[in-house]
Amino acid sequence: MTGDELRAQIWQTPDDRALLAVYADWLLQHDDEARGRYIHLALLPDPTPAQVTERWALFHAHVARWMGPAAPHLSRPEDCLATPSFLGGARCTAESLAAGFDAICAVSPRLVLRLAPIWQPRARTLFWTLPLGRLYGLELVDDDMTWVDDPLFTGALPQLHGLQHLALSIRPGALTLDGWRAISQQLTTLASLELDLHATTDSWLEALVDSPLTRSLRHVALTPPHSDELRARIEQRFAAAQLTWFDAPVPE
């Protein structure tokens, strides 16, 4: 089996650790000892401190090469714990995403891109024209800048079909409730949603409970509602999903 064939299988089943081990062996046999060694270290169930140190040293030394042609377009790469050596996260601008779109899509089956604020009309036009549904996931965080707004999604929604993961951090006064309803009604391919609503009202969560997303989502992280009754409704509607509240303590 060729490397391309193995990578195609990894794209189809990125959580298959046995397949990743086979790919690591293939890499070791085809002059990519660093990546093969890295994957084997990442797959260890109980690595020693020395093995953890070696693993991350390999990652930082070689991740730019592993990103291939996408490397100039991405910053702050993070590994995917489920699919080691294939990125789980990175940052980029709308301009960089447009310039390296095909290469970025080829980096990883589980890459979540955190986009820099998209303010300028030219950047928004670029964002709207890209086939964004080819990406696995997007992370859009306001950071007190209120750029994640209705016009951004009005232009982008037709291109977002196919997206599997969306992380939104929304500040009051940016995206409206009507805008959120449009997102929750149309992005029916989402399997994973992180929704940090800050000071917004329970009506946003009511809209989620009444949307088609209750059928597609398998992983959900939400800002807790003010109402205990609504929280119970959400837990009931997402009983088949992995549900996390942002106020929940991190397990030790």
Protein backbone atom coordinates (compact mmCIF):
# COMPACT_ATOMS: atom_id res chain seq x y z
CA MET A 1 0.00 0.00 0.00
CA THR A 2 1.32 3.45 -0.89
CA GLY A 3 1.57 6.43 1.41
CA ASP A 4 -1.20 8.20 -0.51
CA GLU A 5 -3.49 5.19 -0.07
CA LEU A 6 -2.80 5.07 3.66
CA ARG A 7 -3.46 8.79 4.02
CA ALA A 8 -6.73 8.40 2.10
CA GLN A 9 -7.80 5.73 4.59
CA ILE A 10 -6.79 7.97 7.52
CA TRP A 11 -9.02 10.71 6.08
CA GLN A 12 -11.93 8.27 6.14
CA THR A 13 -11.23 6.88 9.64
CA PRO A 14 -9.00 9.38 11.46
CA ASP A 15 -9.54 7.73 14.87
CA ASP A 16 -8.26 4.32 13.73
CA ARG A 17 -5.13 3.96 15.85
CA ALA A 18 -4.18 0.63 14.27
CA LEU A 19 -4.18 2.32 10.87
CA LEU A 20 -2.06 5.16 12.24
CA ALA A 21 0.45 2.61 13.53
CA VAL A 22 0.62 1.04 10.05
CA TYR A 23 1.21 4.50 8.56
CA ALA A 24 3.95 5.16 11.12
CA ASP A 25 5.68 1.92 10.11
CA TRP A 26 5.38 2.91 6.45
CA LEU A 27 6.99 6.27 7.21
CA LEU A 28 9.88 4.59 9.05
CA GLN A 29 10.46 2.41 6.00
CA HIS A 30 10.32 5.34 3.57
CA ASP A 31 12.84 7.79 5.01
CA ASP A 32 10.59 9.80 7.32
CA GLU A 33 11.85 8.51 10.62
CA ALA A 34 10.91 11.67 12.54
CA ARG A 35 7.21 11.52 11.70
CA GLY A 36 7.01 7.75 12.07
CA ARG A 37 8.71 7.92 15.46
CA TYR A 38 6.45 10.80 16.49
CA ILE A 39 3.27 8.87 15.68
CA HIS A 40 4.46 5.79 17.55
CA LEU A 41 5.29 7.92 20.60
CA ALA A 42 1.88 9.62 20.44
CA LEU A 43 0.12 6.25 20.31
CA LEU A 44 1.78 4.94 23.47
CA PRO A 45 -0.88 4.34 26.14
CA ASP A 46 1.40 5.29 29.06
CA PRO A 47 4.50 7.16 27.83
CA THR A 48 7.36 7.99 30.15
CA PRO A 49 8.31 11.64 30.78
CA ALA A 50 11.32 11.16 28.48
CA GLN A 51 9.08 9.86 25.70
CA VAL A 52 6.70 12.80 26.10
CA THR A 53 9.63 15.20 25.88
CA GLU A 54 10.95 13.45 22.78
CA ARG A 55 7.53 13.49 21.17
CA TRP A 56 7.04 17.24 21.49
CA ALA A 57 10.61 17.97 20.48
CA LEU A 58 9.94 16.07 17.24
CA PHE A 59 6.68 17.96 16.71
CA HIS A 60 8.20 21.41 17.07
CA ALA A 61 11.21 20.50 14.94
CA HIS A 62 9.24 18.99 12.05
CA VAL A 63 5.67 20.29 12.06
CA ALA A 64 6.38 22.89 9.38
CA ARG A 65 7.52 20.13 7.03
CA TRP A 66 4.47 18.01 7.89
CA MET A 67 2.21 20.92 6.90
CA GLY A 68 3.80 20.93 3.44
CA PRO A 69 2.67 23.74 1.10
CA ALA A 70 0.19 24.96 3.73
CA ALA A 71 2.97 25.97 6.15
CA PRO A 72 3.34 29.60 4.92
CA HIS A 73 -0.40 30.15 5.37
CA LEU A 74 -0.83 28.81 8.93
CA SER A 75 0.43 29.89 12.34
CA ARG A 76 0.42 28.42 15.85
CA PRO A 77 -0.13 24.80 14.74
CA GLU A 78 -1.51 22.34 17.29
CA ASP A 79 -1.45 18.59 16.93
CA CYS A 80 -4.58 16.46 16.83
CA LEU A 81 -4.43 14.06 19.76
CA ALA A 82 -6.69 11.56 17.99
CA THR A 83 -4.71 11.69 14.72
CA PRO A 84 -1.12 12.56 15.70
CA SER A 85 1.07 14.44 13.20
CA PHE A 86 -2.08 15.63 11.41
CA LEU A 87 -2.96 19.06 12.80
CA GLY A 88 -5.93 19.57 15.07
CA GLY A 89 -5.77 23.36 15.07
CA ALA A 90 -4.06 26.38 13.54
CA ARG A 91 -4.65 30.07 12.94
CA CYS A 92 -4.86 32.01 9.71
CA THR A 93 -6.31 35.07 8.06
CA ALA A 94 -9.00 35.09 5.39
CA GLU A 95 -6.34 36.14 2.87
CA SER A 96 -4.06 33.23 3.84
CA LEU A 97 -6.97 30.81 3.72
CA ALA A 98 -7.81 31.94 0.20
CA ALA A 99 -4.19 31.81 -0.98
CA GLY A 100 -3.52 28.31 0.36
CA PHE A 101 -6.99 26.80 0.48
CA ASP A 102 -6.32 23.48 -1.28
CA ALA A 103 -3.07 22.92 0.61
CA ILE A 104 -4.76 23.74 3.94
CA CYS A 105 -7.58 21.28 3.24
CA ALA A 106 -4.95 18.59 2.62
CA VAL A 107 -3.15 19.08 5.96
CA SER A 108 -5.46 17.07 8.20
CA PRO A 109 -8.87 15.38 8.33
CA ARG A 110 -9.63 17.12 11.65
CA LEU A 111 -8.15 20.60 11.25
CA VAL A 112 -10.04 23.40 13.03
CA LEU A 113 -9.01 26.83 11.77
CA ARG A 114 -9.21 29.83 14.08
CA LEU A 115 -9.67 32.81 11.80
CA ALA A 116 -8.30 36.25 12.51
CA PRO A 117 -10.99 38.97 12.59
CA ILE A 118 -12.46 39.54 9.14
CA TRP A 119 -13.15 43.26 8.97
CA GLN A 120 -12.20 44.50 5.52
CA PRO A 121 -14.70 44.13 2.65
CA ARG A 122 -12.05 42.45 0.47
CA ALA A 123 -11.31 39.85 3.17
CA ARG A 124 -15.03 39.17 3.61
CA THR A 125 -15.50 38.75 -0.12
CA LEU A 126 -12.65 36.23 -0.20
CA PHE A 127 -14.19 34.35 2.73
CA TRP A 128 -17.61 34.22 1.05
CA THR A 129 -16.27 32.83 -2.23
CA LEU A 130 -14.37 29.87 -0.72
CA PRO A 131 -15.91 26.36 -0.61
CA LEU A 132 -15.73 26.44 3.20
CA GLY A 133 -17.62 23.16 3.56
CA ARG A 134 -14.47 21.34 2.45
CA LEU A 135 -12.89 22.30 5.75
CA TYR A 136 -13.46 20.16 8.83
CA GLY A 137 -13.96 23.01 11.29
CA LEU A 138 -13.87 26.75 11.95
CA GLU A 139 -13.38 28.70 15.16
CA LEU A 140 -14.70 32.27 15.17
CA VAL A 141 -13.96 34.23 18.34
CA ASP A 142 -15.04 37.83 18.84
CA ASP A 143 -12.47 38.84 21.50
CA ASP A 144 -14.49 42.01 22.24
CA MET A 145 -14.22 43.09 18.58
CA THR A 146 -17.79 42.16 17.47
CA TRP A 147 -16.82 41.03 13.97
CA VAL A 148 -18.77 37.74 14.03
CA ASP A 149 -21.96 39.39 12.82
CA ASP A 150 -24.99 38.83 10.61
CA PRO A 151 -23.39 40.08 7.35
CA LEU A 152 -20.45 37.69 7.80
CA PHE A 153 -22.74 34.68 7.98
CA THR A 154 -25.28 35.93 5.45
CA GLY A 155 -22.54 35.83 2.83
CA ALA A 156 -20.88 32.65 4.07
CA LEU A 157 -23.81 30.32 4.84
CA PRO A 158 -24.20 28.97 1.29
CA GLN A 159 -20.52 27.99 1.28
CA LEU A 160 -20.51 26.39 4.75
CA HIS A 161 -22.56 23.30 3.91
CA GLY A 162 -20.37 20.30 4.67
CA LEU A 163 -18.63 21.87 7.68
CA GLN A 164 -18.52 19.39 10.57
CA HIS A 165 -17.27 21.50 13.48
CA LEU A 166 -18.07 25.09 14.45
CA ALA A 167 -16.85 27.01 17.51
CA LEU A 168 -18.49 30.40 18.09
CA SER A 169 -17.72 32.90 20.81
CA ILE A 170 -20.29 35.64 20.44
CA ARG A 171 -20.38 39.04 22.07
CA PRO A 172 -23.67 40.92 22.54
CA GLY A 173 -24.38 43.35 19.73
CA ALA A 174 -22.69 41.37 16.94
CA LEU A 175 -24.54 38.32 15.64
CA THR A 176 -28.28 38.74 16.23
CA LEU A 177 -30.74 36.09 17.35
CA ASP A 178 -32.19 35.99 13.81
CA GLY A 179 -28.68 35.44 12.46
CA TRP A 180 -28.12 32.58 14.89
CA ARG A 181 -31.46 31.03 13.94
CA ALA A 182 -30.39 31.06 10.28
CA ILE A 183 -27.13 29.31 11.19
CA SER A 184 -28.81 26.67 13.34
CA GLN A 185 -31.42 25.97 10.66
CA GLN A 186 -29.03 25.68 7.71
CA LEU A 187 -25.76 24.17 8.96
CA THR A 188 -27.22 20.68 9.18
CA THR A 189 -23.90 18.91 8.48
CA LEU A 190 -22.44 19.99 11.84
CA ALA A 191 -21.49 17.11 14.13
CA SER A 192 -19.69 19.24 16.72
CA LEU A 193 -20.63 22.65 18.14
CA GLU A 194 -19.00 24.89 20.73
CA LEU A 195 -21.17 27.89 21.58
CA ASP A 196 -19.91 30.45 24.09
CA LEU A 197 -22.66 33.05 24.41
CA HIS A 198 -21.21 35.25 27.15
CA ALA A 199 -24.03 37.60 28.27
CA THR A 200 -26.63 36.63 25.68
CA THR A 201 -30.06 35.38 26.72
CA ASP A 202 -31.60 31.93 26.90
CA SER A 203 -33.46 32.59 23.64
CA TRP A 204 -30.30 31.56 21.76
CA LEU A 205 -30.35 28.15 23.39
CA GLU A 206 -34.10 27.89 22.81
CA ALA A 207 -33.41 28.38 19.11
CA LEU A 208 -30.80 25.60 19.22
CA VAL A 209 -33.19 23.18 20.93
CA ASP A 210 -35.79 23.83 18.22
CA SER A 211 -33.36 23.48 15.30
CA PRO A 212 -32.40 20.54 13.03
CA LEU A 213 -28.99 20.50 14.76
CA THR A 214 -30.47 18.33 17.50
CA ARG A 215 -30.41 15.49 14.95
CA SER A 216 -26.86 15.96 13.62
CA LEU A 217 -24.77 17.06 16.61
CA ARG A 218 -22.71 14.43 18.44
CA HIS A 219 -20.50 16.75 20.53
CA VAL A 220 -21.91 19.92 22.09
CA ALA A 221 -20.30 22.46 24.43
CA LEU A 222 -22.56 25.27 25.61
CA THR A 223 -22.78 28.26 27.90
CA PRO A 224 -25.23 27.15 30.61
CA PRO A 225 -28.73 28.68 30.42
CA HIS A 226 -30.15 30.80 33.20
CA SER A 227 -33.18 28.54 33.45
CA ASP A 228 -32.98 25.09 35.06
CA GLU A 229 -36.00 24.06 33.00
CA LEU A 230 -34.20 24.94 29.75
CA ARG A 231 -31.07 23.14 30.88
CA ALA A 232 -33.12 20.00 31.47
CA ARG A 233 -34.70 20.33 28.00
CA ILE A 234 -31.27 20.68 26.39
CA GLU A 235 -29.94 17.64 28.24
CA GLN A 236 -32.96 15.66 27.11
CA ARG A 237 -32.70 16.74 23.45
CA PHE A 238 -28.96 16.02 23.34
CA ALA A 239 -29.10 12.80 25.35
CA ALA A 240 -27.42 10.94 22.50
CA ALA A 241 -24.59 13.49 22.23
CA GLN A 242 -21.56 14.24 24.35
CA LEU A 243 -22.74 17.39 26.13
CA THR A 244 -20.41 19.74 28.03
CA TRP A 245 -21.23 22.92 29.93
CA PHE A 246 -18.58 25.64 29.98
CA ASP A 247 -19.08 26.04 33.73
CA ALA A 248 -18.33 22.38 34.43
CA PRO A 249 -15.15 21.74 36.46
CA VAL A 250 -12.26 20.16 34.60
CA PRO A 251 -11.74 16.56 35.82
CA GLU A 252 -8.50 16.04 37.71
